[in-house]
Amino acid sequence: MGIKGAYHAYLTDLQEIQRFLSNDLTPKGLDAISPVANKTIQDREALKTSFVPLLAALDAIHAEMYNGKK
């Protein structure tokens, strides 16, 4: 999916929750949005995972540029 796709999915979920909760804060409303909230948690994890290769590449660049010096 990549970083862009994962970010878009996560942001879309958050916007859906925001729209829903702006209309219904009742206990039934909170129960109804629960599946979307669970999907948001999964999408957040996918977003975090999508950053792993980027962070590894940045670490490698840093190590190459500074020969391990900080």
Protein backbone atom coordinates (compact mmCIF):
# COMPACT_ATOMS: atom_id res chain seq x y z
CA MET A 1 0.00 0.00 0.00
CA GLY A 2 2.85 2.39 0.74
CA ILE A 3 3.01 5.37 3.04
CA LYS A 4 0.66 7.54 0.98
CA GLY A 5 -2.06 4.90 0.75
CA ALA A 6 -1.77 3.96 4.42
CA TYR A 7 -1.93 7.61 5.46
CA HIS A 8 -4.95 8.24 3.27
CA ALA A 9 -6.81 5.21 4.69
CA TYR A 10 -6.04 6.28 8.27
CA LEU A 11 -7.04 9.89 7.66
CA THR A 12 -10.29 8.82 5.96
CA ASP A 13 -11.17 6.68 8.97
CA LEU A 14 -10.52 9.56 11.36
CA GLN A 15 -12.66 11.91 9.29
CA GLU A 16 -15.50 9.38 9.23
CA ILE A 17 -15.37 9.06 13.02
CA GLN A 18 -15.34 12.84 13.39
CA ARG A 19 -18.38 13.27 11.12
CA PHE A 20 -20.28 10.51 12.85
CA LEU A 21 -19.57 11.73 16.36
CA SER A 22 -20.48 15.29 15.46
CA ASN A 23 -23.99 13.97 14.80
CA ASP A 24 -24.44 11.27 17.45
CA LEU A 25 -22.79 11.09 20.86
CA THR A 26 -25.36 8.75 22.37
CA PRO A 27 -24.27 5.37 23.76
CA LYS A 28 -25.88 3.69 20.73
CA GLY A 29 -23.97 6.04 18.45
CA LEU A 30 -20.70 5.19 20.12
CA ASP A 31 -21.45 1.48 19.76
CA ALA A 32 -22.32 1.98 16.10
CA ILE A 33 -18.98 3.64 15.31
CA SER A 34 -17.01 0.91 17.07
CA PRO A 35 -16.25 -1.11 13.89
CA VAL A 36 -14.84 2.00 12.21
CA ALA A 37 -12.79 2.76 15.31
CA ASN A 38 -11.36 -0.76 15.22
CA LYS A 39 -10.55 -0.37 11.52
CA THR A 40 -8.83 2.91 12.35
CA ILE A 41 -6.59 1.13 14.83
CA GLN A 42 -5.67 -1.43 12.17
CA ASP A 43 -5.02 1.30 9.61
CA ARG A 44 -2.84 3.15 12.14
CA GLU A 45 -0.73 0.03 12.57
CA ALA A 46 -0.45 -0.34 8.79
CA LEU A 47 0.69 3.29 8.58
CA LYS A 48 3.33 2.72 11.24
CA THR A 49 4.53 -0.41 9.43
CA SER A 50 4.75 1.45 6.13
CA PHE A 51 7.34 3.78 7.66
CA VAL A 52 9.74 0.93 8.58
CA PRO A 53 11.52 0.73 5.17
CA LEU A 54 11.83 4.52 5.01
CA LEU A 55 13.32 4.72 8.49
CA ALA A 56 15.74 1.89 7.69
CA ALA A 57 16.85 3.70 4.53
CA LEU A 58 17.36 6.94 6.45
CA ASP A 59 19.38 5.11 9.08
CA ALA A 60 21.55 3.59 6.34
CA ILE A 61 22.08 6.99 4.75
CA HIS A 62 22.97 8.50 8.10
CA ALA A 63 25.44 5.70 8.83
CA GLU A 64 27.04 6.06 5.40
CA MET A 65 27.33 9.83 5.63
CA TYR A 66 28.71 9.95 9.14
CA ASN A 67 30.44 6.57 9.34
CA GLY A 68 28.62 5.82 12.56
CA LYS A 69 29.61 9.13 14.20
CA LYS A 70 26.99 11.16 16.00
